[in-house]
Amino acid sequence: MKGISGKNVIVTAGGSGIGLGIALGYQSLGANVTVCDVDGTSLAALSKAHPSLTAVKADISDEEQVTHLFETAIDKMGSIDILVNNAGISGPTSPLENISLADWRSCMSVNIDGCFLCCRQVVPFLKDQGGGSIINISSTAGILAYPMRAPYAASKWAMIGLTKTLAMELGPFGIRTNSIAPGSINNSRMDGVIARESIAKGVSEEEIRESYERQSAMGSFIDVEEIADMAIFLSSDLGKNINGQVIAVDGFAETITT
């Protein structure tokens, strides 16, 4: 992909799932990649399987740990060209009135505060070098809505607001900020979402899975590699004038079923 080889990339929550897929996608095209994750077990497995990736244990909702992540990345790679804000948690599956303030804040802290902290860290580096790319991983829930998942949906809508604001602020400096909204991903994390929703709604996991399939016009789940390909495209030279956009990779999700 034009303009990716030799670039320096940070991917948050890159120990597994979408983040790992994105990290490996960039690396396969010759980029230098630093990933962080809060899960030490995932990072240990990652370091063993892919020793050329720089792995940093960090909770991106913690300001000091975010600072450490970027210091480590700069020390290792010398600069940063691309930031992929992928880290996020599912939050509770429950009617709004049953959600505790602690659970609400926990979801917001990781999903939107973490994105803010990482953007705040990377912007001075990107300005100094005259450009770069920020990719924020939102969700179809950030475009439509998500019954029984209010904190998650609210945080993903907030991420899109931040994306568009930064696109306006940073565009004059040659920095592009875009958001990807994945649909239902074919991975173990989605399996967990389905299992929790099955319990909350008192129906079988098979029924929940089928309801997610019906949300998309194409009736299918999305592979991790599809999200990686979109992130790479947006941050490559091929996407040099794409800024402030929210691009769904979801087979055209028309509704969130309840």
Protein backbone atom coordinates (compact mmCIF):
# COMPACT_ATOMS: atom_id res chain seq x y z
CA MET A 1 0.00 0.00 0.00
CA LYS A 2 1.49 3.33 -1.08
CA GLY A 3 2.82 5.41 1.78
CA ILE A 4 2.80 2.78 4.55
CA SER A 5 6.25 1.19 4.39
CA GLY A 6 8.57 2.74 6.96
CA LYS A 7 5.79 4.56 8.81
CA ASN A 8 5.65 4.43 12.61
CA VAL A 9 2.31 3.27 14.00
CA ILE A 10 0.72 2.98 17.45
CA VAL A 11 -2.29 0.69 17.87
CA THR A 12 -4.10 0.66 21.20
CA ALA A 13 -5.54 -2.62 22.50
CA GLY A 14 -3.38 -4.43 19.96
CA GLY A 15 -2.90 -7.62 21.94
CA SER A 16 -5.81 -9.41 20.31
CA GLY A 17 -8.91 -8.99 18.15
CA ILE A 18 -9.30 -6.00 15.86
CA GLY A 19 -6.24 -4.28 17.28
CA LEU A 20 -3.96 -7.22 16.60
CA GLY A 21 -5.36 -7.58 13.09
CA ILE A 22 -4.67 -3.89 12.41
CA ALA A 23 -1.14 -4.10 13.86
CA LEU A 24 -0.25 -7.13 11.77
CA GLY A 25 -1.75 -5.52 8.68
CA TYR A 26 0.48 -2.49 9.01
CA GLN A 27 3.53 -4.60 9.80
CA SER A 28 2.98 -6.78 6.74
CA LEU A 29 3.35 -3.65 4.60
CA GLY A 30 6.63 -2.60 6.17
CA ALA A 31 5.47 -0.29 8.95
CA ASN A 32 7.04 -0.17 12.41
CA VAL A 33 4.34 -0.92 14.97
CA THR A 34 3.97 -0.40 18.71
CA VAL A 35 0.92 -1.87 20.41
CA CYS A 36 -0.41 -1.52 23.91
CA ASP A 37 -2.87 -3.61 25.85
CA VAL A 38 -4.09 -3.87 29.43
CA ASP A 39 -4.02 -7.67 29.20
CA GLY A 40 -0.53 -8.88 30.09
CA THR A 41 -1.30 -12.45 28.99
CA SER A 42 -2.26 -11.31 25.49
CA LEU A 43 0.86 -9.16 25.27
CA ALA A 44 3.09 -12.04 26.33
CA ALA A 45 1.59 -14.27 23.65
CA LEU A 46 1.92 -11.48 21.11
CA SER A 47 5.59 -10.87 21.94
CA LYS A 48 6.31 -14.56 21.54
CA ALA A 49 4.47 -14.91 18.23
CA HIS A 50 5.51 -11.55 16.76
CA PRO A 51 8.73 -10.38 18.45
CA SER A 52 9.26 -7.57 15.93
CA LEU A 53 6.21 -5.75 17.32
CA THR A 54 6.87 -3.48 20.30
CA ALA A 55 4.40 -4.39 23.05
CA VAL A 56 3.66 -2.10 26.00
CA LYS A 57 1.36 -2.91 28.91
CA ALA A 58 -0.84 0.13 29.40
CA ASP A 59 -4.35 1.09 30.47
CA ILE A 60 -5.22 3.95 28.13
CA SER A 61 -7.71 5.41 30.61
CA ASP A 62 -4.74 6.24 32.87
CA GLU A 63 -2.90 9.44 31.95
CA GLU A 64 0.49 8.36 33.27
CA GLN A 65 0.33 5.02 31.48
CA VAL A 66 -0.56 6.75 28.20
CA THR A 67 2.46 9.02 28.64
CA HIS A 68 4.64 5.94 29.22
CA LEU A 69 3.23 4.29 26.08
CA PHE A 70 4.15 7.23 23.88
CA GLU A 71 7.57 7.69 25.47
CA THR A 72 8.31 4.01 24.81
CA ALA A 73 7.07 4.24 21.23
CA ILE A 74 9.16 7.34 20.50
CA ASP A 75 12.22 5.76 22.10
CA LYS A 76 11.78 2.65 19.96
CA MET A 77 10.60 4.11 16.63
CA GLY A 78 11.89 7.68 16.73
CA SER A 79 8.63 9.29 15.64
CA ILE A 80 4.91 8.59 15.17
CA ASP A 81 3.05 8.87 11.88
CA ILE A 82 -0.18 7.00 12.56
CA LEU A 83 -2.28 6.48 15.68
CA VAL A 84 -5.09 3.91 15.71
CA ASN A 85 -7.35 4.38 18.73
CA ASN A 86 -8.83 0.91 18.91
CA ALA A 87 -9.09 0.32 22.68
CA GLY A 88 -12.59 0.01 24.07
CA ILE A 89 -14.75 -2.05 26.40
CA SER A 90 -18.28 -3.32 25.93
CA GLY A 91 -19.76 -1.88 29.10
CA PRO A 92 -22.84 -3.33 30.80
CA THR A 93 -25.76 -4.97 29.00
CA SER A 94 -28.78 -3.63 30.86
CA PRO A 95 -31.67 -1.17 30.72
CA LEU A 96 -30.45 2.34 31.49
CA GLU A 97 -32.21 2.53 34.87
CA ASN A 98 -30.25 -0.49 36.10
CA ILE A 99 -26.82 0.80 35.12
CA SER A 100 -24.66 2.03 37.96
CA LEU A 101 -22.73 5.28 37.72
CA ALA A 102 -19.53 3.31 38.27
CA ASP A 103 -20.23 1.08 35.26
CA TRP A 104 -21.17 4.10 33.15
CA ARG A 105 -17.97 5.92 34.06
CA SER A 106 -15.83 2.83 33.52
CA CYS A 107 -17.05 2.48 29.95
CA MET A 108 -16.64 6.18 29.22
CA SER A 109 -13.20 6.25 30.82
CA VAL A 110 -11.76 3.66 28.46
CA ASN A 111 -13.73 4.35 25.30
CA ILE A 112 -13.67 8.13 25.09
CA ASP A 113 -11.28 9.40 27.79
CA GLY A 114 -8.64 6.96 26.50
CA CYS A 115 -9.12 8.20 22.95
CA PHE A 116 -8.77 11.79 24.14
CA LEU A 117 -5.60 11.05 26.11
CA CYS A 118 -3.93 9.29 23.18
CA CYS A 119 -4.91 12.01 20.72
CA ARG A 120 -3.60 14.67 23.06
CA GLN A 121 -0.27 12.87 23.28
CA VAL A 122 0.17 12.30 19.55
CA VAL A 123 -0.91 15.68 18.16
CA PRO A 124 2.30 17.60 19.06
CA PHE A 125 4.43 14.92 17.36
CA LEU A 126 2.29 14.98 14.21
CA LYS A 127 2.32 18.79 14.08
CA ASP A 128 6.10 18.90 14.48
CA GLN A 129 6.66 16.56 11.55
CA GLY A 130 4.10 18.25 9.33
CA GLY A 131 1.32 15.68 9.15
CA GLY A 132 0.04 12.24 9.93
CA SER A 133 -3.11 10.24 10.46
CA ILE A 134 -5.39 9.42 13.38
CA ILE A 135 -7.88 6.55 13.02
CA ASN A 136 -10.56 6.20 15.70
CA ILE A 137 -12.38 2.88 15.85
CA SER A 138 -16.00 3.69 16.64
CA SER A 139 -18.88 1.30 15.94
CA THR A 140 -22.15 0.92 14.09
CA ALA A 141 -23.55 1.76 17.54
CA GLY A 142 -21.99 5.20 17.08
CA ILE A 143 -24.11 5.78 13.97
CA LEU A 144 -27.43 4.19 14.87
CA ALA A 145 -27.93 3.38 18.57
CA TYR A 146 -27.73 0.29 20.75
CA PRO A 147 -30.61 -0.62 23.09
CA MET A 148 -29.45 -2.17 26.38
CA ARG A 149 -25.92 -0.78 25.78
CA ALA A 150 -26.32 2.93 26.53
CA PRO A 151 -22.78 3.64 27.84
CA TYR A 152 -21.16 1.90 24.88
CA ALA A 153 -23.33 3.66 22.30
CA ALA A 154 -22.88 7.06 23.96
CA SER A 155 -19.10 6.65 24.03
CA LYS A 156 -18.96 5.63 20.38
CA TRP A 157 -21.09 8.60 19.32
CA ALA A 158 -18.74 10.80 21.35
CA MET A 159 -15.77 9.35 19.50
CA ILE A 160 -17.29 10.43 16.19
CA GLY A 161 -17.81 13.96 17.54
CA LEU A 162 -14.17 14.05 18.60
CA THR A 163 -13.09 12.71 15.20
CA LYS A 164 -14.89 15.44 13.26
CA THR A 165 -13.71 18.17 15.61
CA LEU A 166 -10.08 17.08 15.34
CA ALA A 167 -10.40 16.85 11.56
CA MET A 168 -11.25 20.55 11.53
CA GLU A 169 -8.62 21.53 14.10
CA LEU A 170 -5.79 19.49 12.65
CA GLY A 171 -6.46 19.52 8.91
CA PRO A 172 -4.50 22.77 8.42
CA PHE A 173 -1.45 20.96 9.86
CA GLY A 174 -1.69 18.10 7.37
CA ILE A 175 -3.16 15.75 9.97
CA ARG A 176 -6.15 13.66 8.91
CA THR A 177 -8.58 12.25 11.47
CA ASN A 178 -11.13 9.63 10.45
CA SER A 179 -13.32 7.07 12.16
CA ILE A 180 -14.16 3.50 11.22
CA ALA A 181 -17.48 2.06 12.38
CA PRO A 182 -17.24 -1.74 12.38
CA GLY A 183 -20.39 -3.82 12.35
CA SER A 184 -20.65 -7.17 14.12
CA ILE A 185 -17.16 -8.67 14.10
CA ASN A 186 -16.53 -12.36 13.69
CA ASN A 187 -14.33 -12.89 16.76
CA SER A 188 -14.31 -14.07 20.37
CA ARG A 189 -15.18 -10.64 21.78
CA MET A 190 -18.43 -10.65 19.83
CA ASP A 191 -19.10 -14.15 21.15
CA GLY A 192 -18.91 -12.68 24.65
CA VAL A 193 -21.28 -9.84 23.75
CA ILE A 194 -23.78 -12.36 22.40
CA ALA A 195 -23.49 -14.53 25.50
CA ARG A 196 -24.14 -11.59 27.85
CA GLU A 197 -27.04 -10.36 25.75
CA SER A 198 -28.52 -13.86 25.75
CA ILE A 199 -28.55 -13.84 29.54
CA ALA A 200 -29.91 -10.28 29.80
CA LYS A 201 -32.76 -10.97 27.39
CA GLY A 202 -33.49 -14.56 28.38
CA VAL A 203 -33.20 -15.98 24.87
CA SER A 204 -30.75 -18.37 23.26
CA GLU A 205 -27.35 -17.30 21.94
CA GLU A 206 -28.37 -18.61 18.52
CA GLU A 207 -31.34 -16.22 18.45
CA ILE A 208 -29.12 -13.31 19.42
CA ARG A 209 -26.57 -14.18 16.74
CA GLU A 210 -29.29 -14.41 14.11
CA SER A 211 -30.63 -11.01 15.18
CA TYR A 212 -27.19 -9.49 14.61
CA GLU A 213 -27.03 -11.08 11.17
CA ARG A 214 -30.39 -9.54 10.30
CA GLN A 215 -29.10 -6.06 11.13
CA SER A 216 -26.94 -5.99 8.01
CA ALA A 217 -28.27 -5.81 4.46
CA MET A 218 -25.63 -8.39 3.55
CA GLY A 219 -26.53 -10.61 6.49
CA SER A 220 -23.00 -11.42 7.56
CA PHE A 221 -20.43 -10.73 10.25
CA ILE A 222 -17.27 -8.74 9.46
CA ASP A 223 -13.76 -10.21 9.49
CA VAL A 224 -11.05 -8.44 11.49
CA GLU A 225 -8.90 -8.11 8.36
CA GLU A 226 -11.55 -5.93 6.72
CA ILE A 227 -11.19 -3.34 9.48
CA ALA A 228 -7.40 -3.49 9.17
CA ASP A 229 -7.60 -2.92 5.41
CA MET A 230 -9.78 0.16 5.88
CA ALA A 231 -7.48 1.65 8.52
CA ILE A 232 -4.48 1.11 6.26
CA PHE A 233 -6.24 2.67 3.27
CA LEU A 234 -7.32 5.75 5.24
CA SER A 235 -3.80 6.37 6.54
CA SER A 236 -2.07 5.65 3.22
CA ASP A 237 -1.31 8.05 0.39
CA LEU A 238 -4.43 6.73 -1.34
CA GLY A 239 -6.51 8.44 1.35
CA LYS A 240 -4.54 11.68 1.44
CA ASN A 241 -7.65 13.87 1.13
CA ILE A 242 -10.02 11.79 3.23
CA ASN A 243 -10.58 13.66 6.49
CA GLY A 244 -13.34 13.91 9.08
CA GLN A 245 -15.18 10.89 7.72
CA VAL A 246 -17.00 8.05 9.45
CA ILE A 247 -16.74 4.97 7.28
CA ALA A 248 -18.83 1.95 8.22
CA VAL A 249 -17.54 -1.51 7.45
CA ASP A 250 -20.72 -3.39 8.26
CA GLY A 251 -22.43 -4.65 5.12
CA PHE A 252 -24.83 -1.71 5.56
CA ALA A 253 -26.36 -2.09 8.99
CA GLU A 254 -29.87 -0.66 8.68
CA THR A 255 -31.04 -1.06 12.25
CA ILE A 256 -30.06 -2.36 15.66
CA THR A 257 -32.61 -5.01 16.57
CA THR A 258 -33.78 -5.47 20.13
